[in-house]
C-alpha atoms as a PDB file:
ATOM      1  CA  MET A   1       7.372   0.705  22.644  1.00  0.00           C
ATOM      2  CA  GLU A   2      10.038   2.602  20.586  1.00  0.00           C
ATOM      3  CA  LEU A   3       8.455   1.274  17.422  1.00  0.00           C
ATOM      4  CA  LYS A   4       5.261   2.935  18.362  1.00  0.00           C
ATOM      5  CA  LYS A   5       7.150   6.379  19.206  1.00  0.00           C
ATOM      6  CA  GLN A   6       8.580   5.884  15.470  1.00  0.00           C
ATOM      7  CA  ASN A   7       5.502   5.155  13.930  1.00  0.00           C
ATOM      8  CA  LYS A   8       3.577   8.415  15.614  1.00  0.00           C
ATOM      9  CA  CYS A   9       6.269  10.688  14.460  1.00  0.00           C
ATOM     10  CA  ALA A  10       6.328   9.303  11.100  1.00  0.00           C
ATOM     11  CA  ALA A  11       2.697   9.696  10.697  1.00  0.00           C
ATOM     12  CA  GLY A  12       3.125  13.661  11.123  1.00  0.00           C
ATOM     13  CA  LEU A  13       1.232  15.976  12.967  1.00  0.00           C
ATOM     14  CA  ILE A  14      -2.729  16.393  12.299  1.00  0.00           C
ATOM     15  CA  SER A  15      -1.737  20.267  11.530  1.00  0.00           C
ATOM     16  CA  GLU A  16       0.597  19.182   9.089  1.00  0.00           C
ATOM     17  CA  ARG A  17      -1.168  15.957   6.792  1.00  0.00           C
ATOM     18  CA  PHE A  18      -4.239  17.682   7.852  1.00  0.00           C
ATOM     19  CA  PRO A  19      -4.552  21.410   7.924  1.00  0.00           C
ATOM     20  CA  GLU A  20      -8.204  22.230   7.334  1.00  0.00           C
ATOM     21  CA  VAL A  21      -9.018  19.478  10.898  1.00  0.00           C
ATOM     22  CA  THR A  22      -9.401  21.740  13.916  1.00  0.00           C
ATOM     23  CA  ASP A  23     -10.007  18.498  16.017  1.00  0.00           C
ATOM     24  CA  ILE A  24     -11.225  14.924  16.096  1.00  0.00           C
ATOM     25  CA  ALA A  25     -12.864  13.238  18.610  1.00  0.00           C
ATOM     26  CA  ILE A  26     -13.307   9.782  18.882  1.00  0.00           C
ATOM     27  CA  HIS A  27     -15.397   7.852  21.528  1.00  0.00           C
ATOM     28  CA  MET A  28     -14.855   3.807  21.568  1.00  0.00           C
ATOM     29  CA  SER A  29     -16.354   1.165  23.420  1.00  0.00           C
ATOM     30  CA  TYR A  30     -13.965  -2.195  23.254  1.00  0.00           C
ATOM     31  CA  TYR A  31     -15.403  -5.285  23.624  1.00  0.00           C
ATOM     32  CA  GLN A  32     -14.141  -9.057  23.939  1.00  0.00           C
ATOM     33  CA  ASN A  33     -15.777 -12.655  23.975  1.00  0.00           C
ATOM     34  CA  GLY A  34     -16.716 -13.934  27.445  1.00  0.00           C
ATOM     35  CA  SER A  35     -19.232 -13.444  30.161  1.00  0.00           C
ATOM     36  CA  ASN A  36     -18.021  -9.951  30.748  1.00  0.00           C
ATOM     37  CA  PRO A  37     -17.874  -8.004  27.301  1.00  0.00           C
ATOM     38  CA  LEU A  38     -17.469  -4.618  27.533  1.00  0.00           C
ATOM     39  CA  LEU A  39     -13.941  -3.899  28.508  1.00  0.00           C
ATOM     40  CA  MET A  40     -13.919  -0.127  28.432  1.00  0.00           C
ATOM     41  CA  VAL A  41     -15.053   2.371  27.202  1.00  0.00           C
ATOM     42  CA  ARG A  42     -12.601   5.629  25.746  1.00  0.00           C
ATOM     43  CA  LYS A  43     -12.924   9.115  24.252  1.00  0.00           C
ATOM     44  CA  VAL A  44      -9.779  10.548  22.707  1.00  0.00           C
ATOM     45  CA  ASN A  45      -9.378  14.137  21.414  1.00  0.00           C
ATOM     46  CA  ILE A  46      -6.925  14.946  18.753  1.00  0.00           C
ATOM     47  CA  PHE A  47      -5.817  18.186  18.817  1.00  0.00           C
ATOM     48  CA  PRO A  48      -4.008  20.086  15.244  1.00  0.00           C
ATOM     49  CA  SER A  49      -1.005  19.641  17.265  1.00  0.00           C
ATOM     50  CA  SER A  50      -1.365  15.960  18.145  1.00  0.00           C
ATOM     51  CA  TYR A  51      -0.165  13.242  15.643  1.00  0.00           C
ATOM     52  CA  ALA A  52      -1.767  11.933  12.785  1.00  0.00           C
ATOM     53  CA  TYR A  53      -1.415   8.367  14.134  1.00  0.00           C
ATOM     54  CA  PHE A  54      -5.037   6.782  14.695  1.00  0.00           C
ATOM     55  CA  LYS A  55      -3.990   2.923  15.340  1.00  0.00           C
ATOM     56  CA  MET A  56      -5.185   1.646  18.784  1.00  0.00           C
ATOM     57  CA  ASP A  57      -3.613  -1.389  20.455  1.00  0.00           C
ATOM     58  CA  CYS A  58      -5.613  -4.556  21.163  1.00  0.00           C
ATOM     59  CA  MET A  59      -6.426  -4.831  25.063  1.00  0.00           C
ATOM     60  CA  ILE A  60      -6.734  -8.169  25.166  1.00  0.00           C
ATOM     61  CA  LYS A  61      -3.201  -9.760  26.819  1.00  0.00           C
ATOM     62  CA  GLY A  62      -1.472 -11.862  24.991  1.00  0.00           C
ATOM     63  CA  CYS A  63      -3.029 -10.507  21.466  1.00  0.00           C
ATOM     64  CA  GLU A  64      -0.160 -10.349  18.692  1.00  0.00           C
ATOM     65  CA  GLY A  65      -0.072  -8.312  15.740  1.00  0.00           C
ATOM     66  CA  GLY A  66      -3.758  -7.172  16.392  1.00  0.00           C
ATOM     67  CA  GLY A  67      -5.097  -3.884  17.049  1.00  0.00           C
ATOM     68  CA  PHE A  68      -7.959  -1.399  15.422  1.00  0.00           C
ATOM     69  CA  ASP A  69      -6.498   0.909  12.674  1.00  0.00           C
ATOM     70  CA  LEU A  70      -8.885   4.115  12.070  1.00  0.00           C
ATOM     71  CA  THR A  71      -6.674   5.495   9.344  1.00  0.00           C
ATOM     72  CA  PRO A  72      -8.229   4.894   6.459  1.00  0.00           C
ATOM     73  CA  VAL A  73     -11.620   5.423   8.250  1.00  0.00           C
ATOM     74  CA  VAL A  74     -10.389   9.122   9.712  1.00  0.00           C
ATOM     75  CA  LYS A  75      -8.146   9.679   5.793  1.00  0.00           C
ATOM     76  CA  GLY A  76     -11.813   9.148   4.388  1.00  0.00           C
ATOM     77  CA  MET A  77     -13.357  11.032   6.173  1.00  0.00           C
ATOM     78  CA  ILE A  78     -11.682  14.293   5.661  1.00  0.00           C
ATOM     79  CA  LYS A  79     -11.233  13.914   1.996  1.00  0.00           C
ATOM     80  CA  GLU A  80     -15.024  13.402   1.595  1.00  0.00           C
ATOM     81  CA  ARG A  81     -15.524  16.789   4.536  1.00  0.00           C
ATOM     82  CA  LYS A  82     -17.479  14.551   6.751  1.00  0.00           C
ATOM     83  CA  LYS A  83     -18.406  15.380   9.702  1.00  0.00           C
ATOM     84  CA  GLU A  84     -19.398  11.960  11.463  1.00  0.00           C
ATOM     85  CA  LYS A  85     -19.167   8.832  11.004  1.00  0.00           C
ATOM     86  CA  LYS A  86     -20.014   4.694  13.412  1.00  0.00           C
ATOM     87  CA  GLY A  87     -18.693   1.851  12.676  1.00  0.00           C
ATOM     88  CA  ALA A  88     -16.981  -0.988  14.307  1.00  0.00           C
ATOM     89  CA  LEU A  89     -13.694  -2.877  13.661  1.00  0.00           C
ATOM     90  CA  ASP A  90     -12.342  -6.449  14.403  1.00  0.00           C
ATOM     91  CA  CYS A  91      -9.030  -7.010  15.910  1.00  0.00           C
ATOM     92  CA  ARG A  92      -7.402  -9.383  13.610  1.00  0.00           C
ATOM     93  CA  GLY A  93      -4.349 -10.129  16.133  1.00  0.00           C
ATOM     94  CA  LYS A  94      -3.721 -13.971  16.757  1.00  0.00           C
ATOM     95  CA  LEU A  95      -3.799 -15.306  20.350  1.00  0.00           C
ATOM     96  CA  GLU A  96      -3.317 -18.836  20.966  1.00  0.00           C
ATOM     97  CA  ASP A  97      -6.174 -20.034  23.488  1.00  0.00           C
ATOM     98  CA  LEU A  98      -8.719 -17.656  21.873  1.00  0.00           C
ATOM     99  CA  ALA A  99     -10.590 -17.498  18.275  1.00  0.00           C
ATOM    100  CA  GLY A 100     -10.026 -14.753  15.806  1.00  0.00           C
ATOM    101  CA  ASP A 101     -13.108 -12.845  17.101  1.00  0.00           C
ATOM    102  CA  HIS A 102     -11.340 -12.218  20.327  1.00  0.00           C
ATOM    103  CA  ALA A 103     -12.051  -8.410  20.368  1.00  0.00           C
ATOM    104  CA  ARG A 104     -14.248  -5.455  18.490  1.00  0.00           C
ATOM    105  CA  VAL A 105     -14.199  -1.918  19.162  1.00  0.00           C
ATOM    106  CA  GLU A 106     -17.239   0.047  18.188  1.00  0.00           C
ATOM    107  CA  TYR A 107     -16.604   3.853  17.340  1.00  0.00           C
ATOM    108  CA  GLU A 108     -18.112   7.527  16.633  1.00  0.00           C
ATOM    109  CA  ILE A 109     -15.726  10.347  14.841  1.00  0.00           C
ATOM    110  CA  VAL A 110     -16.305  13.343  15.075  1.00  0.00           C
ATOM    111  CA  ILE A 111     -14.530  15.577  12.862  1.00  0.00           C
ATOM    112  CA  ARG A 112     -14.413  19.749  12.916  1.00  0.00           C
ATOM    113  CA  TYR A 113     -13.037  22.064  10.063  1.00  0.00           C
ATOM    114  CA  GLY A 114     -11.650  25.277   9.867  1.00  0.00           C
ATOM    115  CA  LYS A 115     -13.378  27.851   7.644  1.00  0.00           C
ATOM    116  CA  SER A 116     -12.284  27.164   3.952  1.00  0.00           C
ATOM    117  CA  SER A 117     -13.872  28.460   0.721  1.00  0.00           C
ATOM    118  CA  ARG A 118     -15.409  24.612   0.140  1.00  0.00           C
END
């Protein structure tokens, strides 16, 4: 928990890292292998006062070193000034009893930008 807090602080604030961004909405659906694959649906709103931290933990109990890092996706969108993107990421964490493809997240990211000369 302490390491996660340190990583968030190290990421900086949206307003500092990406001053042109007014808000980011990330819609995610978490899936697991099994008879009931949809584990959770979640929407995260990120504002200029939020940390520029886009890594979500794996929701599967016992997963070590896994999760879903949306940082490259968000940074790429901002660099190209894209407003929307959909995709999916697989968890690469390790579980003793489960295969490497035990969980995935499907995401839709919407970014709004302030007015600029671009």
